PDB file of N, CA and C in Angstrom:
ATOM      1  N   MET A   1     -15.433-139.841  29.487  1.00  0.00           N
ATOM      2  CA  MET A   1     -16.118-139.823  28.271  1.00  0.00           C
ATOM      3  C   MET A   1     -15.992-138.380  27.626  1.00  0.00           C
ATOM      4  N   SER A   2     -16.204-137.432  28.392  1.00  0.00           N
ATOM      5  CA  SER A   2     -16.261-135.955  27.933  1.00  0.00           C
ATOM      6  C   SER A   2     -14.913-135.656  27.360  1.00  0.00           C
ATOM      7  N   GLU A   3     -13.922-136.085  28.019  1.00  0.00           N
ATOM      8  CA  GLU A   3     -12.484-135.795  27.227  1.00  0.00           C
ATOM      9  C   GLU A   3     -12.382-136.415  26.149  1.00  0.00           C
ATOM     10  N   TYR A   4     -12.880-137.703  25.953  1.00  0.00           N
ATOM     11  CA  TYR A   4     -12.846-138.543  24.614  1.00  0.00           C
ATOM     12  C   TYR A   4     -13.561-137.669  23.573  1.00  0.00           C
ATOM     13  N   TRP A   5     -14.716-137.064  24.042  1.00  0.00           N
ATOM     14  CA  TRP A   5     -15.508-136.308  22.934  1.00  0.00           C
ATOM     15  C   TRP A   5     -14.831-135.197  22.596  1.00  0.00           C
ATOM     16  N   ARG A   6     -14.316-134.414  23.514  1.00  0.00           N
ATOM     17  CA  ARG A   6     -13.590-133.149  23.229  1.00  0.00           C
ATOM     18  C   ARG A   6     -12.390-133.351  22.165  1.00  0.00           C
ATOM     19  N   ALA A   7     -11.672-134.564  22.412  1.00  0.00           N
ATOM     20  CA  ALA A   7     -10.601-134.925  21.553  1.00  0.00           C
ATOM     21  C   ALA A   7     -10.898-135.333  20.176  1.00  0.00           C
ATOM     22  N   LEU A   8     -12.161-135.617  19.929  1.00  0.00           N
ATOM     23  CA  LEU A   8     -12.631-136.061  18.562  1.00  0.00           C
ATOM     24  C   LEU A   8     -12.594-134.842  17.624  1.00  0.00           C
ATOM     25  N   THR A   9     -12.262-135.028  16.267  1.00  0.00           N
ATOM     26  CA  THR A   9     -12.574-134.026  15.373  1.00  0.00           C
ATOM     27  C   THR A   9     -14.105-133.989  15.077  1.00  0.00           C
ATOM     28  N   LEU A  10     -14.363-132.904  14.206  1.00  0.00           N
ATOM     29  CA  LEU A  10     -15.835-132.812  13.866  1.00  0.00           C
ATOM     30  C   LEU A  10     -16.364-134.064  13.105  1.00  0.00           C
ATOM     31  N   TRP A  11     -15.529-134.405  12.187  1.00  0.00           N
ATOM     32  CA  TRP A  11     -15.794-135.482  11.232  1.00  0.00           C
ATOM     33  C   TRP A  11     -16.042-136.794  12.044  1.00  0.00           C
ATOM     34  N   ASN A  12     -15.074-137.084  13.010  1.00  0.00           N
ATOM     35  CA  ASN A  12     -15.205-138.245  13.847  1.00  0.00           C
ATOM     36  C   ASN A  12     -16.429-138.133  14.769  1.00  0.00           C
ATOM     37  N   LYS A  13     -16.919-136.944  15.303  1.00  0.00           N
ATOM     38  CA  LYS A  13     -18.122-136.879  16.048  1.00  0.00           C
ATOM     39  C   LYS A  13     -19.306-137.198  15.160  1.00  0.00           C
ATOM     40  N   VAL A  14     -19.450-136.663  13.882  1.00  0.00           N
ATOM     41  CA  VAL A  14     -20.477-136.891  13.017  1.00  0.00           C
ATOM     42  C   VAL A  14     -20.497-138.318  12.688  1.00  0.00           C
ATOM     43  N   LYS A  15     -19.386-139.147  12.434  1.00  0.00           N
ATOM     44  CA  LYS A  15     -19.348-140.614  12.196  1.00  0.00           C
ATOM     45  C   LYS A  15     -19.809-141.375  13.406  1.00  0.00           C
ATOM     46  N   PHE A  16     -19.598-140.845  14.616  1.00  0.00           N
ATOM     47  CA  PHE A  16     -20.013-141.504  15.771  1.00  0.00           C
ATOM     48  C   PHE A  16     -21.402-141.472  15.886  1.00  0.00           C
ATOM     49  N   ILE A  17     -22.006-140.188  15.696  1.00  0.00           N
ATOM     50  CA  ILE A  17     -23.399-140.016  15.919  1.00  0.00           C
ATOM     51  C   ILE A  17     -24.182-140.795  14.717  1.00  0.00           C
ATOM     52  N   ILE A  18     -23.703-140.822  13.617  1.00  0.00           N
ATOM     53  CA  ILE A  18     -24.184-141.701  12.380  1.00  0.00           C
ATOM     54  C   ILE A  18     -24.438-143.135  12.775  1.00  0.00           C
ATOM     55  N   SER A  19     -23.273-143.666  13.274  1.00  0.00           N
ATOM     56  CA  SER A  19     -23.161-145.033  13.750  1.00  0.00           C
ATOM     57  C   SER A  19     -24.086-145.344  14.897  1.00  0.00           C
ATOM     58  N   ILE A  20     -24.339-144.442  15.697  1.00  0.00           N
ATOM     59  CA  ILE A  20     -25.306-144.809  16.721  1.00  0.00           C
ATOM     60  C   ILE A  20     -26.640-144.883  16.329  1.00  0.00           C
ATOM     61  N   ILE A  21     -27.000-143.799  15.318  1.00  0.00           N
ATOM     62  CA  ILE A  21     -28.437-143.911  14.822  1.00  0.00           C
ATOM     63  C   ILE A  21     -28.494-145.090  13.888  1.00  0.00           C
ATOM     64  N   ILE A  22     -27.646-145.593  13.111  1.00  0.00           N
ATOM     65  CA  ILE A  22     -27.673-146.815  12.400  1.00  0.00           C
ATOM     66  C   ILE A  22     -27.886-148.020  13.255  1.00  0.00           C
ATOM     67  N   GLY A  23     -27.084-147.949  14.441  1.00  0.00           N
ATOM     68  CA  GLY A  23     -27.377-149.062  15.434  1.00  0.00           C
ATOM     69  C   GLY A  23     -28.713-149.208  15.950  1.00  0.00           C
ATOM     70  N   ILE A  24     -29.355-148.059  16.350  1.00  0.00           N
ATOM     71  CA  ILE A  24     -30.527-147.944  16.830  1.00  0.00           C
ATOM     72  C   ILE A  24     -31.737-148.492  15.760  1.00  0.00           C
ATOM     73  N   LEU A  25     -31.428-147.922  14.515  1.00  0.00           N
ATOM     74  CA  LEU A  25     -32.386-148.463  13.480  1.00  0.00           C
ATOM     75  C   LEU A  25     -32.140-150.047  13.154  1.00  0.00           C
ATOM     76  N   GLY A  26     -31.018-150.463  13.368  1.00  0.00           N
ATOM     77  CA  GLY A  26     -30.677-151.981  13.246  1.00  0.00           C
ATOM     78  C   GLY A  26     -31.525-152.732  14.335  1.00  0.00           C
ATOM     79  N   VAL A  27     -31.500-152.142  15.625  1.00  0.00           N
ATOM     80  CA  VAL A  27     -32.029-152.955  16.534  1.00  0.00           C
ATOM     81  C   VAL A  27     -33.598-152.999  16.294  1.00  0.00           C
ATOM     82  N   VAL A  28     -34.136-151.788  15.947  1.00  0.00           N
ATOM     83  CA  VAL A  28     -35.495-151.692  15.804  1.00  0.00           C
ATOM     84  C   VAL A  28     -35.980-152.629  14.444  1.00  0.00           C
ATOM     85  N   PHE A  29     -35.153-152.649  13.431  1.00  0.00           N
ATOM     86  CA  PHE A  29     -35.478-153.656  12.370  1.00  0.00           C
ATOM     87  C   PHE A  29     -35.403-154.992  12.727  1.00  0.00           C
ATOM     88  N   ALA A  30     -34.331-155.266  13.572  1.00  0.00           N
ATOM     89  CA  ALA A  30     -34.305-156.626  14.233  1.00  0.00           C
ATOM     90  C   ALA A  30     -35.632-157.091  14.968  1.00  0.00           C
ATOM     91  N   THR A  31     -35.951-156.160  15.862  1.00  0.00           N
ATOM     92  CA  THR A  31     -37.184-156.524  16.518  1.00  0.00           C
ATOM     93  C   THR A  31     -38.443-156.690  15.785  1.00  0.00           C
ATOM     94  N   LEU A  32     -38.496-155.880  14.690  1.00  0.00           N
ATOM     95  CA  LEU A  32     -39.716-155.865  13.817  1.00  0.00           C
ATOM     96  C   LEU A  32     -39.777-156.983  12.848  1.00  0.00           C
ATOM     97  N   ASN A  33     -38.678-157.605  12.606  1.00  0.00           N
ATOM     98  CA  ASN A  33     -38.523-158.773  11.719  1.00  0.00           C
ATOM     99  C   ASN A  33     -38.028-160.112  12.322  1.00  0.00           C
ATOM    100  N   TRP A  34     -38.545-160.342  13.518  1.00  0.00           N
ATOM    101  CA  TRP A  34     -38.079-161.532  14.149  1.00  0.00           C
ATOM    102  C   TRP A  34     -39.053-162.800  13.805  1.00  0.00           C
ATOM    103  N   ASN A  35     -39.822-162.660  12.804  1.00  0.00           N
ATOM    104  CA  ASN A  35     -40.690-163.814  12.275  1.00  0.00           C
ATOM    105  C   ASN A  35     -39.911-164.896  11.639  1.00  0.00           C
ATOM    106  N   ASP A  36     -40.154-166.100  12.027  1.00  0.00           N
ATOM    107  CA  ASP A  36     -39.531-167.330  11.284  1.00  0.00           C
ATOM    108  C   ASP A  36     -39.781-167.331   9.846  1.00  0.00           C
ATOM    109  N   GLU A  37     -38.769-167.679   9.056  1.00  0.00           N
ATOM    110  CA  GLU A  37     -38.815-167.893   7.628  1.00  0.00           C
ATOM    111  C   GLU A  37     -38.255-169.314   7.316  1.00  0.00           C
ATOM    112  N   GLU A  38     -38.695-170.039   6.398  1.00  0.00           N
ATOM    113  CA  GLU A  38     -38.211-171.172   5.868  1.00  0.00           C
ATOM    114  C   GLU A  38     -36.964-170.992   5.043  1.00  0.00           C
ATOM    115  N   VAL A  39     -35.769-171.695   5.293  1.00  0.00           N
ATOM    116  CA  VAL A  39     -34.662-171.311   4.393  1.00  0.00           C
ATOM    117  C   VAL A  39     -34.322-172.555   3.859  1.00  0.00           C
ATOM    118  N   HIS A  40     -33.851-172.575   2.541  1.00  0.00           N
ATOM    119  CA  HIS A  40     -33.445-173.813   1.764  1.00  0.00           C
ATOM    120  C   HIS A  40     -31.828-173.593   1.516  1.00  0.00           C
ATOM    121  N   LEU A  41     -31.063-174.428   2.245  1.00  0.00           N
ATOM    122  CA  LEU A  41     -29.448-174.307   2.082  1.00  0.00           C
ATOM    123  C   LEU A  41     -29.146-175.583   1.433  1.00  0.00           C
ATOM    124  N   LEU A  42     -28.772-175.462   0.108  1.00  0.00           N
ATOM    125  CA  LEU A  42     -28.267-176.550  -0.571  1.00  0.00           C
ATOM    126  C   LEU A  42     -29.023-177.861  -0.328  1.00  0.00           C
ATOM    127  N   PHE A  43     -28.605-178.739   0.618  1.00  0.00           N
ATOM    128  CA  PHE A  43     -29.263-180.089   1.055  1.00  0.00           C
ATOM    129  C   PHE A  43     -29.942-179.949   2.426  1.00  0.00           C
ATOM    130  N   LEU A  44     -29.978-178.750   2.878  1.00  0.00           N
ATOM    131  CA  LEU A  44     -30.598-178.589   4.218  1.00  0.00           C
ATOM    132  C   LEU A  44     -31.843-177.640   4.061  1.00  0.00           C
ATOM    133  N   GLN A  45     -32.883-177.871   4.792  1.00  0.00           N
ATOM    134  CA  GLN A  45     -34.042-177.007   5.013  1.00  0.00           C
ATOM    135  C   GLN A  45     -34.266-176.696   6.350  1.00  0.00           C
ATOM    136  N   THR A  46     -34.282-175.352   6.827  1.00  0.00           N
ATOM    137  CA  THR A  46     -34.471-175.035   8.307  1.00  0.00           C
ATOM    138  C   THR A  46     -35.363-173.921   8.339  1.00  0.00           C
ATOM    139  N   THR A  47     -35.802-173.744   9.617  1.00  0.00           N
ATOM    140  CA  THR A  47     -36.610-172.284   9.855  1.00  0.00           C
ATOM    141  C   THR A  47     -35.707-171.537  10.910  1.00  0.00           C
ATOM    142  N   MET A  48     -35.597-170.280  10.569  1.00  0.00           N
ATOM    143  CA  MET A  48     -34.928-169.349  11.462  1.00  0.00           C
ATOM    144  C   MET A  48     -35.426-168.044  11.335  1.00  0.00           C
ATOM    145  N   PRO A  49     -35.226-167.171  12.326  1.00  0.00           N
ATOM    146  CA  PRO A  49     -35.641-165.811  12.314  1.00  0.00           C
ATOM    147  C   PRO A  49     -35.191-165.082  11.248  1.00  0.00           C
ATOM    148  N   LEU A  50     -35.887-164.128  10.488  1.00  0.00           N
ATOM    149  CA  LEU A  50     -35.244-163.429   9.379  1.00  0.00           C
ATOM    150  C   LEU A  50     -34.091-162.545   9.795  1.00  0.00           C
ATOM    151  N   THR A  51     -34.226-162.027  10.911  1.00  0.00           N
ATOM    152  CA  THR A  51     -33.059-161.162  11.451  1.00  0.00           C
ATOM    153  C   THR A  51     -31.713-161.943  11.346  1.00  0.00           C
ATOM    154  N   LEU A  52     -31.858-163.119  12.038  1.00  0.00           N
ATOM    155  CA  LEU A  52     -30.639-164.046  12.165  1.00  0.00           C
ATOM    156  C   LEU A  52     -30.257-164.229  10.738  1.00  0.00           C
ATOM    157  N   LEU A  53     -31.055-164.659   9.875  1.00  0.00           N
ATOM    158  CA  LEU A  53     -30.601-164.938   8.401  1.00  0.00           C
ATOM    159  C   LEU A  53     -29.840-163.663   7.768  1.00  0.00           C
ATOM    160  N   ILE A  54     -30.300-162.584   8.038  1.00  0.00           N
ATOM    161  CA  ILE A  54     -29.697-161.404   7.404  1.00  0.00           C
ATOM    162  C   ILE A  54     -28.460-161.183   8.175  1.00  0.00           C
ATOM    163  N   LEU A  55     -28.275-161.331   9.531  1.00  0.00           N
ATOM    164  CA  LEU A  55     -27.070-161.175  10.174  1.00  0.00           C
ATOM    165  C   LEU A  55     -26.093-162.252   9.645  1.00  0.00           C
ATOM    166  N   ILE A  56     -26.389-163.293   9.475  1.00  0.00           N
ATOM    167  CA  ILE A  56     -25.472-164.391   9.046  1.00  0.00           C
ATOM    168  C   ILE A  56     -24.963-163.975   7.717  1.00  0.00           C
ATOM    169  N   SER A  57     -25.782-163.569   6.709  1.00  0.00           N
ATOM    170  CA  SER A  57     -25.507-163.039   5.344  1.00  0.00           C
ATOM    171  C   SER A  57     -24.428-161.909   5.440  1.00  0.00           C
ATOM    172  N   VAL A  58     -24.664-160.997   6.396  1.00  0.00           N
ATOM    173  CA  VAL A  58     -23.735-159.844   6.444  1.00  0.00           C
ATOM    174  C   VAL A  58     -22.407-160.278   6.879  1.00  0.00           C
ATOM    175  N   ILE A  59     -22.378-161.243   7.937  1.00  0.00           N
ATOM    176  CA  ILE A  59     -21.172-161.745   8.507  1.00  0.00           C
ATOM    177  C   ILE A  59     -20.336-162.518   7.297  1.00  0.00           C
ATOM    178  N   VAL A  60     -21.056-163.347   6.691  1.00  0.00           N
ATOM    179  CA  VAL A  60     -20.317-164.167   5.510  1.00  0.00           C
ATOM    180  C   VAL A  60     -19.967-163.199   4.488  1.00  0.00           C
ATOM    181  N   GLY A  61     -20.535-162.132   4.192  1.00  0.00           N
ATOM    182  CA  GLY A  61     -20.209-161.197   3.111  1.00  0.00           C
ATOM    183  C   GLY A  61     -18.988-160.444   3.547  1.00  0.00           C
ATOM    184  N   TYR A  62     -18.945-159.894   4.934  1.00  0.00           N
ATOM    185  CA  TYR A  62     -17.703-159.273   5.451  1.00  0.00           C
ATOM    186  C   TYR A  62     -16.412-160.184   5.333  1.00  0.00           C
ATOM    187  N   ALA A  63     -16.669-161.469   5.867  1.00  0.00           N
ATOM    188  CA  ALA A  63     -15.516-162.475   5.834  1.00  0.00           C
ATOM    189  C   ALA A  63     -15.020-162.593   4.431  1.00  0.00           C
ATOM    190  N   LEU A  64     -15.933-162.797   3.426  1.00  0.00           N
ATOM    191  CA  LEU A  64     -15.561-162.985   2.067  1.00  0.00           C
ATOM    192  C   LEU A  64     -14.829-161.810   1.480  1.00  0.00           C
ATOM    193  N   ALA A  65     -15.290-160.610   1.833  1.00  0.00           N
ATOM    194  CA  ALA A  65     -14.551-159.405   1.369  1.00  0.00           C
ATOM    195  C   ALA A  65     -13.204-159.319   2.211  1.00  0.00           C
ATOM    196  N   TYR A  66     -13.025-159.579   3.246  1.00  0.00           N
ATOM    197  CA  TYR A  66     -11.914-159.661   4.247  1.00  0.00           C
ATOM    198  C   TYR A  66     -10.695-160.515   3.412  1.00  0.00           C
ATOM    199  N   LEU A  67     -11.281-161.773   3.183  1.00  0.00           N
ATOM    200  CA  LEU A  67     -10.228-162.682   2.594  1.00  0.00           C
ATOM    201  C   LEU A  67      -9.914-162.207   1.305  1.00  0.00           C
ATOM    202  N   PHE A  68     -10.660-161.837   0.498  1.00  0.00           N
ATOM    203  CA  PHE A  68     -10.187-161.355  -1.009  1.00  0.00           C
ATOM    204  C   PHE A  68      -9.366-160.037  -0.865  1.00  0.00           C
ATOM    205  N   ASN A  69      -9.610-159.071   0.132  1.00  0.00           N
ATOM    206  CA  ASN A  69      -8.817-158.021   0.390  1.00  0.00           C
ATOM    207  C   ASN A  69      -7.361-158.449   0.917  1.00  0.00           C
ATOM    208  N   PHE A  70      -7.365-159.536   1.724  1.00  0.00           N
ATOM    209  CA  PHE A  70      -6.102-160.095   2.372  1.00  0.00           C
ATOM    210  C   PHE A  70      -5.245-160.556   1.294  1.00  0.00           C
ATOM    211  N   GLN A  71      -5.810-161.348   0.342  1.00  0.00           N
ATOM    212  CA  GLN A  71      -4.966-161.921  -0.726  1.00  0.00           C
ATOM    213  C   GLN A  71      -4.486-160.752  -1.620  1.00  0.00           C
ATOM    214  N   ASN A  72      -5.180-159.707  -1.926  1.00  0.00           N
ATOM    215  CA  ASN A  72      -4.775-158.629  -2.855  1.00  0.00           C
ATOM    216  C   ASN A  72      -3.601-157.744  -2.018  1.00  0.00           C
ATOM    217  N   SER A  73      -3.769-157.628  -0.608  1.00  0.00           N
ATOM    218  CA  SER A  73      -2.677-156.932  -0.073  1.00  0.00           C
ATOM    219  C   SER A  73      -1.392-157.824   0.123  1.00  0.00           C
ATOM    220  N   ARG A  74      -1.641-159.083   0.276  1.00  0.00           N
ATOM    221  CA  ARG A  74      -0.390-159.918   0.173  1.00  0.00           C
ATOM    222  C   ARG A  74       0.436-159.781  -1.190  1.00  0.00           C
ATOM    223  N   LYS A  75      -0.350-159.875  -2.335  1.00  0.00           N
ATOM    224  CA  LYS A  75       0.300-159.725  -3.604  1.00  0.00           C
ATOM    225  C   LYS A  75       0.856-158.385  -3.572  1.00  0.00           C
ATOM    226  N   LYS A  76       0.279-157.440  -3.173  1.00  0.00           N
ATOM    227  CA  LYS A  76       0.892-156.028  -3.206  1.00  0.00           C
ATOM    228  C   LYS A  76       2.156-155.854  -2.294  1.00  0.00           C
ATOM    229  N   GLU A  77       2.269-156.515  -1.104  1.00  0.00           N
ATOM    230  CA  GLU A  77       3.357-156.690  -0.224  1.00  0.00           C
ATOM    231  C   GLU A  77       4.549-157.344  -0.884  1.00  0.00           C
ATOM    232  N   LYS A  78       4.227-158.364  -1.604  1.00  0.00           N
ATOM    233  CA  LYS A  78       5.362-159.148  -2.206  1.00  0.00           C
ATOM    234  C   LYS A  78       5.914-158.349  -3.391  1.00  0.00           C
ATOM    235  N   GLU A  79       5.078-157.585  -4.256  1.00  0.00           N
ATOM    236  CA  GLU A  79       5.442-156.816  -5.436  1.00  0.00           C
ATOM    237  C   GLU A  79       6.305-155.636  -4.607  1.00  0.00           C
ATOM    238  N   LEU A  80       5.957-155.118  -3.554  1.00  0.00           N
ATOM    239  CA  LEU A  80       6.760-154.005  -3.099  1.00  0.00           C
ATOM    240  C   LEU A  80       7.950-154.397  -2.550  1.00  0.00           C
ATOM    241  N   HIS A  81       7.986-155.694  -1.890  1.00  0.00           N
ATOM    242  CA  HIS A  81       9.306-156.222  -1.526  1.00  0.00           C
ATOM    243  C   HIS A  81      10.359-156.327  -2.632  1.00  0.00           C
ATOM    244  N   HIS A  82       9.549-156.946  -3.825  1.00  0.00           N
ATOM    245  CA  HIS A  82      10.672-157.141  -4.946  1.00  0.00           C
ATOM    246  C   HIS A  82      10.903-155.868  -5.580  1.00  0.00           C
ATOM    247  N   LEU A  83      10.152-154.905  -5.495  1.00  0.00           N
ATOM    248  CA  LEU A  83      10.663-153.568  -6.064  1.00  0.00           C
ATOM    249  C   LEU A  83      11.702-153.032  -5.213  1.00  0.00           C
ATOM    250  N   GLN A  84      11.646-153.128  -3.848  1.00  0.00           N
ATOM    251  CA  GLN A  84      12.437-152.501  -2.970  1.00  0.00           C
ATOM    252  C   GLN A  84      13.888-153.137  -3.034  1.00  0.00           C
ATOM    253  N   GLU A  85      13.875-154.577  -3.394  1.00  0.00           N
ATOM    254  CA  GLU A  85      15.104-155.274  -3.578  1.00  0.00           C
ATOM    255  C   GLU A  85      15.798-154.822  -4.894  1.00  0.00           C
ATOM    256  N   GLN A  86      14.928-154.623  -6.146  1.00  0.00           N
ATOM    257  CA  GLN A  86      15.594-154.017  -7.216  1.00  0.00           C
ATOM    258  C   GLN A  86      16.215-152.718  -6.987  1.00  0.00           C
ATOM    259  N   ASN A  87      15.372-151.921  -6.293  1.00  0.00           N
ATOM    260  CA  ASN A  87      15.862-150.418  -5.991  1.00  0.00           C
ATOM    261  C   ASN A  87      17.230-150.437  -5.269  1.00  0.00           C
ATOM    262  N   GLN A  88      17.434-151.325  -4.212  1.00  0.00           N
ATOM    263  CA  GLN A  88      18.576-151.490  -3.514  1.00  0.00           C
ATOM    264  C   GLN A  88      19.688-151.910  -4.268  1.00  0.00           C
ATOM    265  N   LYS A  89      19.492-152.851  -5.327  1.00  0.00           N
ATOM    266  CA  LYS A  89      20.542-153.251  -6.310  1.00  0.00           C
ATOM    267  C   LYS A  89      21.047-152.193  -7.118  1.00  0.00           C
ATOM    268  N   LEU A  90      20.014-151.353  -7.567  1.00  0.00           N
ATOM    269  CA  LEU A  90      20.281-150.230  -8.467  1.00  0.00           C
ATOM    270  C   LEU A  90      21.033-149.200  -7.692  1.00  0.00           C
ATOM    271  N   VAL A  91      20.645-148.927  -6.423  1.00  0.00           N
ATOM    272  CA  VAL A  91      21.500-148.028  -5.511  1.00  0.00           C
ATOM    273  C   VAL A  91      22.860-148.449  -5.274  1.00  0.00           C
ATOM    274  N   ASP A  92      22.954-149.745  -5.037  1.00  0.00           N
ATOM    275  CA  ASP A  92      24.384-150.274  -4.891  1.00  0.00           C
ATOM    276  C   ASP A  92      25.295-150.141  -6.098  1.00  0.00           C
ATOM    277  N   LYS A  93      24.582-150.421  -7.301  1.00  0.00           N
ATOM    278  CA  LYS A  93      25.316-150.260  -8.602  1.00  0.00           C
ATOM    279  C   LYS A  93      25.767-149.008  -8.927  1.00  0.00           C
ATOM    280  N   LEU A  94      24.903-147.942  -8.603  1.00  0.00           N
ATOM    281  CA  LEU A  94      25.165-146.584  -8.624  1.00  0.00           C
ATOM    282  C   LEU A  94      26.396-146.069  -7.830  1.00  0.00           C
ATOM    283  N   LYS A  95      26.341-146.613  -6.627  1.00  0.00           N
ATOM    284  CA  LYS A  95      27.466-146.248  -5.769  1.00  0.00           C
ATOM    285  C   LYS A  95      28.726-146.814  -6.159  1.00  0.00           C
ATOM    286  N   HIS A  96      28.679-148.073  -6.634  1.00  0.00           N
ATOM    287  CA  HIS A  96      29.971-148.735  -7.202  1.00  0.00           C
ATOM    288  C   HIS A  96      30.414-148.041  -8.304  1.00  0.00           C
ATOM    289  N   LEU A  97      29.583-147.447  -9.288  1.00  0.00           N
ATOM    290  CA  LEU A  97      29.951-146.700 -10.478  1.00  0.00           C
ATOM    291  C   LEU A  97      30.564-145.367 -10.045  1.00  0.00           C
ATOM    292  N   GLU A  98      29.996-144.731  -9.093  1.00  0.00           N
ATOM    293  CA  GLU A  98      30.551-143.380  -8.487  1.00  0.00           C
ATOM    294  C   GLU A  98      31.959-143.712  -7.982  1.00  0.00           C
ATOM    295  N   GLU A  99      32.147-144.780  -7.260  1.00  0.00           N
ATOM    296  CA  GLU A  99      33.436-145.049  -6.579  1.00  0.00           C
ATOM    297  C   GLU A  99      34.537-145.194  -7.807  1.00  0.00           C
ATOM    298  N   LYS A 100      34.181-145.849  -8.633  1.00  0.00           N
ATOM    299  CA  LYS A 100      35.060-146.099  -9.969  1.00  0.00           C
ATOM    300  C   LYS A 100      35.455-144.536 -10.611  1.00  0.00           C
ATOM    301  N   ALA A 101      34.520-143.740 -10.436  1.00  0.00           N
ATOM    302  CA  ALA A 101      34.807-142.458 -11.216  1.00  0.00           C
ATOM    303  C   ALA A 101      35.635-141.471 -10.399  1.00  0.00           C
TER     304      ALA A 101
END
């Protein structure tokens, strides 16, 4: 572990320490808010701990953000591939013109 710590940059050490502090605060928050709340979900009504409800909301939020980001990255990859094909055609055309000259 000490080798790992020495290999980290200062910025990575700061991020690591901050993530540990946030994790500890999250655990404290979870234990303080473990009381049950009534939740209305469209056609379903249930009772669940507030911490579990927040955790589910965060997971769903991350999943949706990942899906939207994945779609955008796929569009950009297709556009990049198309532009690379166009670039290669232009390079081939330029080589052909240089051979003629």
